[in-house]
Amino acid sequence: MQAHRAILETDENGRLSGLPTLPPRARVEIIFLYSEADPGVTIRKPPSVLARLEITGDITAPVIDLQDWNLDS
């Protein structure tokens, strides 16, 4: 069995457009998954609370000293 993934869209009447060409007399299993939202429309923005945030000091330094972890390095 070979897999072929195709994301198809429907026209204004709900008919599929852009169906792939299949070999003659092929037996095909089709599973339909309806997407709720268009993934290209999602716009992600940080919360507005972060606009007032002020970073002071070194944010990449560890909070806990390495000696507190009891690591032999």
PDB file of N, CA and C in Angstrom:
ATOM      1  N   MET A   1       0.845  -1.169   0.000  1.00  0.00           N
ATOM      2  CA  MET A   1       0.000   0.000   0.000  1.00  0.00           C
ATOM      3  C   MET A   1       0.891   1.233   0.000  1.00  0.00           C
ATOM      4  N   GLN A   2       0.544   2.198  -0.818  1.00  0.00           N
ATOM      5  CA  GLN A   2       1.271   3.454  -0.889  1.00  0.00           C
ATOM      6  C   GLN A   2       0.385   4.572  -0.375  1.00  0.00           C
ATOM      7  N   ALA A   3       0.981   5.530   0.283  1.00  0.00           N
ATOM      8  CA  ALA A   3       0.223   6.645   0.832  1.00  0.00           C
ATOM      9  C   ALA A   3       0.456   7.889  -0.013  1.00  0.00           C
ATOM     10  N   HIS A   4      -0.592   8.643  -0.193  1.00  0.00           N
ATOM     11  CA  HIS A   4      -0.513   9.933  -0.885  1.00  0.00           C
ATOM     12  C   HIS A   4      -1.361  10.918  -0.102  1.00  0.00           C
ATOM     13  N   ARG A   5      -0.740  11.968   0.373  1.00  0.00           N
ATOM     14  CA  ARG A   5      -1.474  12.960   1.148  1.00  0.00           C
ATOM     15  C   ARG A   5      -1.788  14.150   0.255  1.00  0.00           C
ATOM     16  N   ALA A   6      -3.029  14.550   0.264  1.00  0.00           N
ATOM     17  CA  ALA A   6      -3.448  15.714  -0.512  1.00  0.00           C
ATOM     18  C   ALA A   6      -4.397  16.544   0.333  1.00  0.00           C
ATOM     19  N   ILE A   7      -4.155  17.834   0.389  1.00  0.00           N
ATOM     20  CA  ILE A   7      -5.069  18.739   1.079  1.00  0.00           C
ATOM     21  C   ILE A   7      -5.893  19.424   0.001  1.00  0.00           C
ATOM     22  N   LEU A   8      -7.169  19.115  -0.023  1.00  0.00           N
ATOM     23  CA  LEU A   8      -8.052  19.602  -1.067  1.00  0.00           C
ATOM     24  C   LEU A   8      -8.990  20.658  -0.531  1.00  0.00           C
ATOM     25  N   GLU A   9      -9.504  21.476  -1.412  1.00  0.00           N
ATOM     26  CA  GLU A   9     -10.482  22.491  -1.040  1.00  0.00           C
ATOM     27  C   GLU A   9     -11.754  22.247  -1.834  1.00  0.00           C
ATOM     28  N   THR A  10     -12.847  22.779  -1.329  1.00  0.00           N
ATOM     29  CA  THR A  10     -14.120  22.632  -2.018  1.00  0.00           C
ATOM     30  C   THR A  10     -14.510  23.962  -2.656  1.00  0.00           C
ATOM     31  N   ASP A  11     -15.366  23.857  -3.674  1.00  0.00           N
ATOM     32  CA  ASP A  11     -15.872  25.063  -4.310  1.00  0.00           C
ATOM     33  C   ASP A  11     -17.105  25.556  -3.563  1.00  0.00           C
ATOM     34  N   GLU A  12     -17.803  26.536  -4.115  1.00  0.00           N
ATOM     35  CA  GLU A  12     -18.956  27.117  -3.430  1.00  0.00           C
ATOM     36  C   GLU A  12     -20.116  26.143  -3.276  1.00  0.00           C
ATOM     37  N   ASN A  13     -20.087  25.030  -4.027  1.00  0.00           N
ATOM     38  CA  ASN A  13     -21.131  24.012  -3.913  1.00  0.00           C
ATOM     39  C   ASN A  13     -20.724  22.838  -3.034  1.00  0.00           C
ATOM     40  N   GLY A  14     -19.516  22.881  -2.479  1.00  0.00           N
ATOM     41  CA  GLY A  14     -19.049  21.798  -1.621  1.00  0.00           C
ATOM     42  C   GLY A  14     -18.414  20.652  -2.376  1.00  0.00           C
ATOM     43  N   ARG A  15     -18.130  20.821  -3.652  1.00  0.00           N
ATOM     44  CA  ARG A  15     -17.481  19.768  -4.453  1.00  0.00           C
ATOM     45  C   ARG A  15     -15.973  19.899  -4.347  1.00  0.00           C
ATOM     46  N   LEU A  16     -15.293  18.763  -4.245  1.00  0.00           N
ATOM     47  CA  LEU A  16     -13.838  18.762  -4.132  1.00  0.00           C
ATOM     48  C   LEU A  16     -13.207  19.225  -5.438  1.00  0.00           C
ATOM     49  N   SER A  17     -12.160  20.032  -5.328  1.00  0.00           N
ATOM     50  CA  SER A  17     -11.403  20.448  -6.503  1.00  0.00           C
ATOM     51  C   SER A  17      -9.955  20.016  -6.317  1.00  0.00           C
ATOM     52  N   GLY A  18      -9.281  19.746  -7.418  1.00  0.00           N
ATOM     53  CA  GLY A  18      -7.879  19.356  -7.367  1.00  0.00           C
ATOM     54  C   GLY A  18      -7.657  17.913  -6.965  1.00  0.00           C
ATOM     55  N   LEU A  19      -8.558  17.012  -7.354  1.00  0.00           N
ATOM     56  CA  LEU A  19      -8.379  15.597  -7.029  1.00  0.00           C
ATOM     57  C   LEU A  19      -7.165  15.030  -7.764  1.00  0.00           C
ATOM     58  N   PRO A  20      -6.375  14.173  -7.116  1.00  0.00           N
ATOM     59  CA  PRO A  20      -5.194  13.608  -7.776  1.00  0.00           C
ATOM     60  C   PRO A  20      -5.597  12.576  -8.823  1.00  0.00           C
ATOM     61  N   THR A  21      -4.731  12.372  -9.827  1.00  0.00           N
ATOM     62  CA  THR A  21      -4.938  11.346 -10.844  1.00  0.00           C
ATOM     63  C   THR A  21      -4.511  10.003 -10.273  1.00  0.00           C
ATOM     64  N   LEU A  22      -5.350   9.000 -10.429  1.00  0.00           N
ATOM     65  CA  LEU A  22      -5.084   7.675  -9.878  1.00  0.00           C
ATOM     66  C   LEU A  22      -4.908   6.668 -11.007  1.00  0.00           C
ATOM     67  N   PRO A  23      -4.224   5.568 -10.739  1.00  0.00           N
ATOM     68  CA  PRO A  23      -4.084   4.535 -11.764  1.00  0.00           C
ATOM     69  C   PRO A  23      -5.440   3.897 -12.065  1.00  0.00           C
ATOM     70  N   PRO A  24      -5.611   3.339 -13.276  1.00  0.00           N
ATOM     71  CA  PRO A  24      -6.892   2.716 -13.617  1.00  0.00           C
ATOM     72  C   PRO A  24      -7.194   1.508 -12.724  1.00  0.00           C
ATOM     73  N   ARG A  25      -8.459   1.328 -12.426  1.00  0.00           N
ATOM     74  CA  ARG A  25      -8.962   0.211 -11.619  1.00  0.00           C
ATOM     75  C   ARG A  25      -8.280   0.122 -10.252  1.00  0.00           C
ATOM     76  N   ALA A  26      -7.951   1.249  -9.677  1.00  0.00           N
ATOM     77  CA  ALA A  26      -7.290   1.278  -8.366  1.00  0.00           C
ATOM     78  C   ALA A  26      -8.346   1.232  -7.271  1.00  0.00           C
ATOM     79  N   ARG A  27      -8.014   0.563  -6.212  1.00  0.00           N
ATOM     80  CA  ARG A  27      -8.874   0.548  -5.025  1.00  0.00           C
ATOM     81  C   ARG A  27      -8.276   1.534  -4.035  1.00  0.00           C
ATOM     82  N   VAL A  28      -9.076   2.502  -3.602  1.00  0.00           N
ATOM     83  CA  VAL A  28      -8.573   3.606  -2.797  1.00  0.00           C
ATOM     84  C   VAL A  28      -9.368   3.692  -1.510  1.00  0.00           C
ATOM     85  N   GLU A  29      -8.666   3.864  -0.388  1.00  0.00           N
ATOM     86  CA  GLU A  29      -9.314   4.128   0.892  1.00  0.00           C
ATOM     87  C   GLU A  29      -9.111   5.597   1.202  1.00  0.00           C
ATOM     88  N   ILE A  30     -10.189   6.297   1.494  1.00  0.00           N
ATOM     89  CA  ILE A  30     -10.117   7.728   1.732  1.00  0.00           C
ATOM     90  C   ILE A  30     -10.637   8.025   3.138  1.00  0.00           C
ATOM     91  N   ILE A  31      -9.883   8.823   3.883  1.00  0.00           N
ATOM     92  CA  ILE A  31     -10.293   9.275   5.210  1.00  0.00           C
ATOM     93  C   ILE A  31     -10.386  10.794   5.147  1.00  0.00           C
ATOM     94  N   PHE A  32     -11.553  11.330   5.446  1.00  0.00           N
ATOM     95  CA  PHE A  32     -11.755  12.768   5.399  1.00  0.00           C
ATOM     96  C   PHE A  32     -11.601  13.362   6.787  1.00  0.00           C
ATOM     97  N   LEU A  33     -10.762  14.375   6.913  1.00  0.00           N
ATOM     98  CA  LEU A  33     -10.590  15.134   8.145  1.00  0.00           C
ATOM     99  C   LEU A  33     -10.905  16.580   7.827  1.00  0.00           C
ATOM    100  N   TYR A  34     -11.885  17.141   8.495  1.00  0.00           N
ATOM    101  CA  TYR A  34     -12.273  18.526   8.265  1.00  0.00           C
ATOM    102  C   TYR A  34     -11.493  19.422   9.206  1.00  0.00           C
ATOM    103  N   SER A  35     -10.833  20.412   8.659  1.00  0.00           N
ATOM    104  CA  SER A  35     -10.118  21.356   9.508  1.00  0.00           C
ATOM    105  C   SER A  35     -11.075  22.458   9.926  1.00  0.00           C
ATOM    106  N   GLU A  36     -11.005  22.817  11.196  1.00  0.00           N
ATOM    107  CA  GLU A  36     -11.903  23.827  11.747  1.00  0.00           C
ATOM    108  C   GLU A  36     -11.494  25.229  11.326  1.00  0.00           C
ATOM    109  N   ALA A  37     -10.197  25.472  11.282  1.00  0.00           N
ATOM    110  CA  ALA A  37      -9.720  26.813  10.960  1.00  0.00           C
ATOM    111  C   ALA A  37      -8.610  26.717   9.932  1.00  0.00           C
ATOM    112  N   ASP A  38      -8.450  27.749   9.152  1.00  0.00           N
ATOM    113  CA  ASP A  38      -7.379  27.819   8.179  1.00  0.00           C
ATOM    114  C   ASP A  38      -6.077  28.117   8.915  1.00  0.00           C
ATOM    115  N   PRO A  39      -5.049  27.236   8.809  1.00  0.00           N
ATOM    116  CA  PRO A  39      -3.825  27.468   9.578  1.00  0.00           C
ATOM    117  C   PRO A  39      -3.078  28.728   9.157  1.00  0.00           C
ATOM    118  N   GLY A  40      -3.331  29.243   7.962  1.00  0.00           N
ATOM    119  CA  GLY A  40      -2.643  30.439   7.520  1.00  0.00           C
ATOM    120  C   GLY A  40      -3.216  31.713   8.118  1.00  0.00           C
ATOM    121  N   VAL A  41      -4.370  31.656   8.745  1.00  0.00           N
ATOM    122  CA  VAL A  41      -5.039  32.841   9.268  1.00  0.00           C
ATOM    123  C   VAL A  41      -4.615  33.150  10.694  1.00  0.00           C
ATOM    124  N   THR A  42      -4.118  32.179  11.417  1.00  0.00           N
ATOM    125  CA  THR A  42      -3.787  32.356  12.828  1.00  0.00           C
ATOM    126  C   THR A  42      -2.654  33.364  12.998  1.00  0.00           C
ATOM    127  N   ILE A  43      -2.908  34.388  13.781  1.00  0.00           N
ATOM    128  CA  ILE A  43      -1.902  35.399  14.089  1.00  0.00           C
ATOM    129  C   ILE A  43      -1.635  35.332  15.593  1.00  0.00           C
ATOM    130  N   ARG A  44      -0.396  35.074  15.938  1.00  0.00           N
ATOM    131  CA  ARG A  44      -0.041  34.965  17.345  1.00  0.00           C
ATOM    132  C   ARG A  44       0.643  36.239  17.794  1.00  0.00           C
ATOM    133  N   LYS A  45       0.198  36.772  18.923  1.00  0.00           N
ATOM    134  CA  LYS A  45       0.796  37.967  19.504  1.00  0.00           C
ATOM    135  C   LYS A  45       1.026  37.717  20.986  1.00  0.00           C
ATOM    136  N   PRO A  46       2.086  38.295  21.544  1.00  0.00           N
ATOM    137  CA  PRO A  46       2.305  38.141  22.983  1.00  0.00           C
ATOM    138  C   PRO A  46       1.246  38.899  23.757  1.00  0.00           C
ATOM    139  N   PRO A  47       1.005  38.508  24.997  1.00  0.00           N
ATOM    140  CA  PRO A  47       0.026  39.221  25.820  1.00  0.00           C
ATOM    141  C   PRO A  47       0.414  40.686  26.003  1.00  0.00           C
ATOM    142  N   SER A  48      -0.569  41.556  26.106  1.00  0.00           N
ATOM    143  CA  SER A  48      -0.305  42.988  26.261  1.00  0.00           C
ATOM    144  C   SER A  48       0.369  43.298  27.596  1.00  0.00           C
ATOM    145  N   VAL A  49       0.258  42.416  28.571  1.00  0.00           N
ATOM    146  CA  VAL A  49       0.905  42.620  29.871  1.00  0.00           C
ATOM    147  C   VAL A  49       2.426  42.663  29.707  1.00  0.00           C
ATOM    148  N   LEU A  50       2.947  41.936  28.723  1.00  0.00           N
ATOM    149  CA  LEU A  50       4.395  41.904  28.524  1.00  0.00           C
ATOM    150  C   LEU A  50       4.943  43.213  27.972  1.00  0.00           C
ATOM    151  N   ALA A  51       4.103  44.087  27.470  1.00  0.00           N
ATOM    152  CA  ALA A  51       4.565  45.357  26.929  1.00  0.00           C
ATOM    153  C   ALA A  51       5.167  46.227  28.032  1.00  0.00           C
ATOM    154  N   ARG A  52       4.698  46.076  29.266  1.00  0.00           N
ATOM    155  CA  ARG A  52       5.204  46.867  30.387  1.00  0.00           C
ATOM    156  C   ARG A  52       6.400  46.202  31.074  1.00  0.00           C
ATOM    157  N   LEU A  53       6.783  45.025  30.621  1.00  0.00           N
ATOM    158  CA  LEU A  53       7.852  44.265  31.256  1.00  0.00           C
ATOM    159  C   LEU A  53       9.208  44.918  31.000  1.00  0.00           C
ATOM    160  N   GLU A  54      10.011  45.010  32.040  1.00  0.00           N
ATOM    161  CA  GLU A  54      11.360  45.538  31.908  1.00  0.00           C
ATOM    162  C   GLU A  54      12.339  44.479  32.383  1.00  0.00           C
ATOM    163  N   ILE A  55      13.265  44.124  31.522  1.00  0.00           N
ATOM    164  CA  ILE A  55      14.259  43.098  31.848  1.00  0.00           C
ATOM    165  C   ILE A  55      15.485  43.788  32.406  1.00  0.00           C
ATOM    166  N   THR A  56      15.888  43.370  33.607  1.00  0.00           N
ATOM    167  CA  THR A  56      17.097  43.923  34.223  1.00  0.00           C
ATOM    168  C   THR A  56      18.010  42.768  34.590  1.00  0.00           C
ATOM    169  N   GLY A  57      19.291  42.957  34.384  1.00  0.00           N
ATOM    170  CA  GLY A  57      20.258  41.936  34.745  1.00  0.00           C
ATOM    171  C   GLY A  57      20.461  40.919  33.642  1.00  0.00           C
ATOM    172  N   ASP A  58      21.197  39.883  33.963  1.00  0.00           N
ATOM    173  CA  ASP A  58      21.534  38.829  33.013  1.00  0.00           C
ATOM    174  C   ASP A  58      20.455  37.748  33.070  1.00  0.00           C
ATOM    175  N   ILE A  59      19.648  37.638  32.029  1.00  0.00           N
ATOM    176  CA  ILE A  59      18.566  36.650  32.041  1.00  0.00           C
ATOM    177  C   ILE A  59      19.039  35.267  31.620  1.00  0.00           C
ATOM    178  N   THR A  60      20.294  35.157  31.142  1.00  0.00           N
ATOM    179  CA  THR A  60      20.801  33.849  30.738  1.00  0.00           C
ATOM    180  C   THR A  60      21.597  33.161  31.844  1.00  0.00           C
ATOM    181  N   ALA A  61      21.886  33.857  32.918  1.00  0.00           N
ATOM    182  CA  ALA A  61      22.635  33.263  34.023  1.00  0.00           C
ATOM    183  C   ALA A  61      21.723  32.307  34.795  1.00  0.00           C
ATOM    184  N   PRO A  62      22.266  31.208  35.280  1.00  0.00           N
ATOM    185  CA  PRO A  62      21.439  30.280  36.053  1.00  0.00           C
ATOM    186  C   PRO A  62      20.965  30.896  37.364  1.00  0.00           C
ATOM    187  N   VAL A  63      19.779  30.524  37.780  1.00  0.00           N
ATOM    188  CA  VAL A  63      19.205  31.034  39.028  1.00  0.00           C
ATOM    189  C   VAL A  63      19.842  30.347  40.220  1.00  0.00           C
ATOM    190  N   ILE A  64      20.136  29.064  40.059  1.00  0.00           N
ATOM    191  CA  ILE A  64      20.736  28.274  41.128  1.00  0.00           C
ATOM    192  C   ILE A  64      22.194  28.004  40.771  1.00  0.00           C
ATOM    193  N   ASP A  65      23.086  28.152  41.736  1.00  0.00           N
ATOM    194  CA  ASP A  65      24.505  27.885  41.493  1.00  0.00           C
ATOM    195  C   ASP A  65      24.701  26.424  41.120  1.00  0.00           C
ATOM    196  N   LEU A  66      25.696  26.167  40.277  1.00  0.00           N
ATOM    197  CA  LEU A  66      25.971  24.795  39.853  1.00  0.00           C
ATOM    198  C   LEU A  66      26.404  23.919  41.022  1.00  0.00           C
ATOM    199  N   GLN A  67      27.009  24.508  42.059  1.00  0.00           N
ATOM    200  CA  GLN A  67      27.433  23.722  43.215  1.00  0.00           C
ATOM    201  C   GLN A  67      26.232  23.170  43.982  1.00  0.00           C
ATOM    202  N   ASP A  68      25.102  23.854  43.907  1.00  0.00           N
ATOM    203  CA  ASP A  68      23.905  23.375  44.597  1.00  0.00           C
ATOM    204  C   ASP A  68      23.310  22.128  43.940  1.00  0.00           C
ATOM    205  N   TRP A  69      23.677  21.845  42.719  1.00  0.00           N
ATOM    206  CA  TRP A  69      23.154  20.667  42.023  1.00  0.00           C
ATOM    207  C   TRP A  69      23.963  19.413  42.352  1.00  0.00           C
ATOM    208  N   ASN A  70      25.081  19.568  43.050  1.00  0.00           N
ATOM    209  CA  ASN A  70      25.973  18.439  43.393  1.00  0.00           C
ATOM    210  C   ASN A  70      26.453  17.704  42.162  1.00  0.00           C
ATOM    211  N   LEU A  71      26.818  18.466  41.145  1.00  0.00           N
ATOM    212  CA  LEU A  71      27.343  17.872  39.927  1.00  0.00           C
ATOM    213  C   LEU A  71      28.868  17.927  39.965  1.00  0.00           C
ATOM    214  N   ASP A  72      29.483  16.847  39.541  1.00  0.00           N
ATOM    215  CA  ASP A  72      30.946  16.803  39.483  1.00  0.00           C
ATOM    216  C   ASP A  72      31.366  17.188  38.081  1.00  0.00           C
ATOM    217  N   SER A  73      31.734  18.446  37.903  1.00  0.00           N
ATOM    218  CA  SER A  73      32.153  18.878  36.562  1.00  0.00           C
ATOM    219  C   SER A  73      33.431  19.654  36.615  1.00  0.00           C
TER     220      SER A  73
END
